[in-house]
Amino acid sequence: MAHFANTDFLTVAEVADQMRVSKMTVYRLIHSGELPAVRFGRSYRVPEVAVEEYVRAAVTGNRSETA
């Protein structure tokens, strides 16, 4: 597993707000493996850098790079 010592994590709601999508869409991205996430108890946290990379790949049309 990747080393997350200096990583900022976002909640699913924060990711949804940043990406302007629903929380359900974020959960779908997590469960499909398109967006990496770490489970803390009953909730997920998404590395902020993963969101940035996903959005960058979506804008440039290179989504396969994030998977």
N, C-alpha and C. Protein backbone atom coordinates (compact mmCIF):
# COMPACT_ATOMS: atom_id res chain seq x y z
N MET A 1 0.84 -1.18 0.00
CA MET A 1 0.00 0.00 0.00
C MET A 1 0.89 1.24 0.00
N ALA A 2 0.41 2.29 -0.65
CA ALA A 2 1.17 3.52 -0.76
C ALA A 2 1.38 4.16 0.61
N HIS A 3 2.42 4.94 0.70
CA HIS A 3 2.75 5.63 1.95
C HIS A 3 1.99 6.95 2.00
N PHE A 4 1.15 7.15 3.03
CA PHE A 4 0.29 8.32 3.11
C PHE A 4 0.66 9.26 4.25
N ALA A 5 1.90 9.27 4.70
CA ALA A 5 2.30 10.06 5.87
C ALA A 5 2.01 11.55 5.70
N ASN A 6 2.29 12.10 4.55
CA ASN A 6 2.10 13.54 4.33
C ASN A 6 0.94 13.84 3.39
N THR A 7 -0.01 12.94 3.33
CA THR A 7 -1.13 13.07 2.41
C THR A 7 -2.33 13.69 3.10
N ASP A 8 -2.95 14.64 2.42
CA ASP A 8 -4.21 15.19 2.91
C ASP A 8 -5.35 14.37 2.33
N PHE A 9 -6.31 14.03 3.16
CA PHE A 9 -7.45 13.23 2.74
C PHE A 9 -8.71 14.07 2.73
N LEU A 10 -9.61 13.75 1.82
CA LEU A 10 -10.89 14.42 1.71
C LEU A 10 -12.01 13.42 1.97
N THR A 11 -13.11 13.91 2.52
CA THR A 11 -14.28 13.05 2.69
C THR A 11 -14.97 12.91 1.33
N VAL A 12 -15.88 11.95 1.25
CA VAL A 12 -16.65 11.76 0.02
C VAL A 12 -17.43 13.03 -0.30
N ALA A 13 -18.00 13.67 0.71
CA ALA A 13 -18.76 14.91 0.49
C ALA A 13 -17.86 16.02 -0.05
N GLU A 14 -16.65 16.13 0.47
CA GLU A 14 -15.71 17.15 -0.01
C GLU A 14 -15.31 16.89 -1.45
N VAL A 15 -15.07 15.62 -1.79
CA VAL A 15 -14.73 15.27 -3.17
C VAL A 15 -15.90 15.62 -4.09
N ALA A 16 -17.11 15.27 -3.68
CA ALA A 16 -18.29 15.57 -4.49
C ALA A 16 -18.43 17.07 -4.72
N ASP A 17 -18.20 17.86 -3.69
CA ASP A 17 -18.27 19.32 -3.83
C ASP A 17 -17.22 19.84 -4.80
N GLN A 18 -16.00 19.34 -4.68
CA GLN A 18 -14.92 19.79 -5.57
C GLN A 18 -15.19 19.43 -7.01
N MET A 19 -15.71 18.21 -7.23
CA MET A 19 -15.94 17.73 -8.59
C MET A 19 -17.30 18.13 -9.14
N ARG A 20 -18.14 18.73 -8.30
CA ARG A 20 -19.49 19.14 -8.68
C ARG A 20 -20.33 17.95 -9.16
N VAL A 21 -20.24 16.85 -8.39
CA VAL A 21 -21.03 15.65 -8.65
C VAL A 21 -21.69 15.23 -7.35
N SER A 22 -22.53 14.21 -7.42
CA SER A 22 -23.18 13.72 -6.20
C SER A 22 -22.24 12.81 -5.42
N LYS A 23 -22.56 12.62 -4.15
CA LYS A 23 -21.77 11.69 -3.34
C LYS A 23 -21.88 10.28 -3.92
N MET A 24 -23.03 9.91 -4.46
CA MET A 24 -23.20 8.58 -5.05
C MET A 24 -22.23 8.38 -6.21
N THR A 25 -22.01 9.41 -7.00
CA THR A 25 -21.05 9.31 -8.10
C THR A 25 -19.65 9.05 -7.57
N VAL A 26 -19.28 9.72 -6.50
CA VAL A 26 -17.97 9.50 -5.89
C VAL A 26 -17.86 8.06 -5.39
N TYR A 27 -18.91 7.57 -4.72
CA TYR A 27 -18.89 6.18 -4.25
C TYR A 27 -18.74 5.21 -5.42
N ARG A 28 -19.41 5.48 -6.54
CA ARG A 28 -19.27 4.62 -7.72
C ARG A 28 -17.83 4.62 -8.24
N LEU A 29 -17.21 5.78 -8.27
CA LEU A 29 -15.82 5.88 -8.72
C LEU A 29 -14.90 5.10 -7.79
N ILE A 30 -15.17 5.16 -6.50
CA ILE A 30 -14.36 4.43 -5.52
C ILE A 30 -14.54 2.93 -5.71
N HIS A 31 -15.79 2.48 -5.79
CA HIS A 31 -16.06 1.04 -5.90
C HIS A 31 -15.60 0.45 -7.22
N SER A 32 -15.57 1.26 -8.28
CA SER A 32 -15.11 0.77 -9.58
C SER A 32 -13.59 0.77 -9.68
N GLY A 33 -12.93 1.40 -8.71
CA GLY A 33 -11.47 1.46 -8.72
C GLY A 33 -10.91 2.65 -9.49
N GLU A 34 -11.78 3.50 -10.02
CA GLU A 34 -11.31 4.66 -10.77
C GLU A 34 -10.73 5.74 -9.87
N LEU A 35 -11.19 5.77 -8.62
CA LEU A 35 -10.71 6.76 -7.66
C LEU A 35 -10.26 6.02 -6.40
N PRO A 36 -8.97 6.05 -6.08
CA PRO A 36 -8.49 5.33 -4.90
C PRO A 36 -9.01 5.96 -3.62
N ALA A 37 -9.26 5.13 -2.63
CA ALA A 37 -9.75 5.62 -1.34
C ALA A 37 -9.29 4.67 -0.25
N VAL A 38 -9.25 5.20 0.96
CA VAL A 38 -8.89 4.42 2.14
C VAL A 38 -10.11 4.40 3.04
N ARG A 39 -10.39 3.24 3.58
CA ARG A 39 -11.55 3.13 4.46
C ARG A 39 -11.12 3.34 5.91
N PHE A 40 -11.76 4.29 6.57
CA PHE A 40 -11.55 4.55 7.99
C PHE A 40 -12.86 4.23 8.69
N GLY A 41 -12.90 3.11 9.38
CA GLY A 41 -14.15 2.71 10.03
C GLY A 41 -15.23 2.48 8.99
N ARG A 42 -16.31 3.23 9.09
CA ARG A 42 -17.42 3.08 8.16
C ARG A 42 -17.39 4.10 7.02
N SER A 43 -16.37 4.94 6.98
CA SER A 43 -16.33 5.97 5.95
C SER A 43 -15.07 5.86 5.10
N TYR A 44 -15.12 6.48 3.94
CA TYR A 44 -13.99 6.50 3.02
C TYR A 44 -13.33 7.87 3.07
N ARG A 45 -12.02 7.86 2.85
CA ARG A 45 -11.27 9.10 2.68
C ARG A 45 -10.48 8.94 1.38
N VAL A 46 -10.46 10.01 0.61
CA VAL A 46 -9.80 10.00 -0.70
C VAL A 46 -8.59 10.92 -0.64
N PRO A 47 -7.42 10.43 -1.05
CA PRO A 47 -6.25 11.31 -1.07
C PRO A 47 -6.50 12.50 -2.00
N GLU A 48 -6.20 13.69 -1.53
CA GLU A 48 -6.44 14.89 -2.32
C GLU A 48 -5.73 14.83 -3.67
N VAL A 49 -4.53 14.30 -3.68
CA VAL A 49 -3.76 14.21 -4.93
C VAL A 49 -4.46 13.28 -5.92
N ALA A 50 -5.16 12.26 -5.44
CA ALA A 50 -5.88 11.34 -6.33
C ALA A 50 -7.03 12.06 -7.03
N VAL A 51 -7.69 12.96 -6.32
CA VAL A 51 -8.77 13.74 -6.93
C VAL A 51 -8.20 14.64 -8.01
N GLU A 52 -7.09 15.31 -7.70
CA GLU A 52 -6.45 16.19 -8.68
C GLU A 52 -6.04 15.42 -9.92
N GLU A 53 -5.46 14.23 -9.74
CA GLU A 53 -5.03 13.41 -10.88
C GLU A 53 -6.23 12.93 -11.69
N TYR A 54 -7.30 12.54 -11.01
CA TYR A 54 -8.49 12.07 -11.71
C TYR A 54 -9.09 13.19 -12.56
N VAL A 55 -9.21 14.37 -11.99
CA VAL A 55 -9.77 15.50 -12.73
C VAL A 55 -8.87 15.87 -13.90
N ARG A 56 -7.57 15.91 -13.67
CA ARG A 56 -6.63 16.23 -14.75
C ARG A 56 -6.75 15.22 -15.89
N ALA A 57 -6.83 13.94 -15.55
CA ALA A 57 -6.96 12.90 -16.57
C ALA A 57 -8.30 13.02 -17.31
N ALA A 58 -9.36 13.36 -16.59
CA ALA A 58 -10.67 13.50 -17.22
C ALA A 58 -10.68 14.68 -18.19
N VAL A 59 -10.02 15.76 -17.82
CA VAL A 59 -9.98 16.94 -18.67
C VAL A 59 -9.17 16.68 -19.93
N THR A 60 -8.07 15.95 -19.80
CA THR A 60 -7.23 15.67 -20.96
C THR A 60 -7.68 14.44 -21.73
N GLY A 61 -8.65 13.71 -21.20
CA GLY A 61 -9.16 12.53 -21.90
C GLY A 61 -8.34 11.29 -21.69
N ASN A 62 -7.50 11.25 -20.66
CA ASN A 62 -6.61 10.11 -20.40
C ASN A 62 -6.98 9.41 -19.10
N ARG A 63 -8.22 9.02 -18.94
CA ARG A 63 -8.66 8.39 -17.69
C ARG A 63 -7.92 7.11 -17.38
N SER A 64 -7.47 6.38 -18.38
CA SER A 64 -6.81 5.10 -18.12
C SER A 64 -5.53 5.27 -17.32
N GLU A 65 -4.94 6.46 -17.31
CA GLU A 65 -3.72 6.70 -16.55
C GLU A 65 -3.96 6.60 -15.05
N THR A 66 -5.19 6.88 -14.58
CA THR A 66 -5.47 6.89 -13.15
C THR A 66 -5.85 5.53 -12.63
N ALA A 67 -6.19 4.61 -13.51
CA ALA A 67 -6.64 3.29 -13.05
C ALA A 67 -5.50 2.37 -12.76
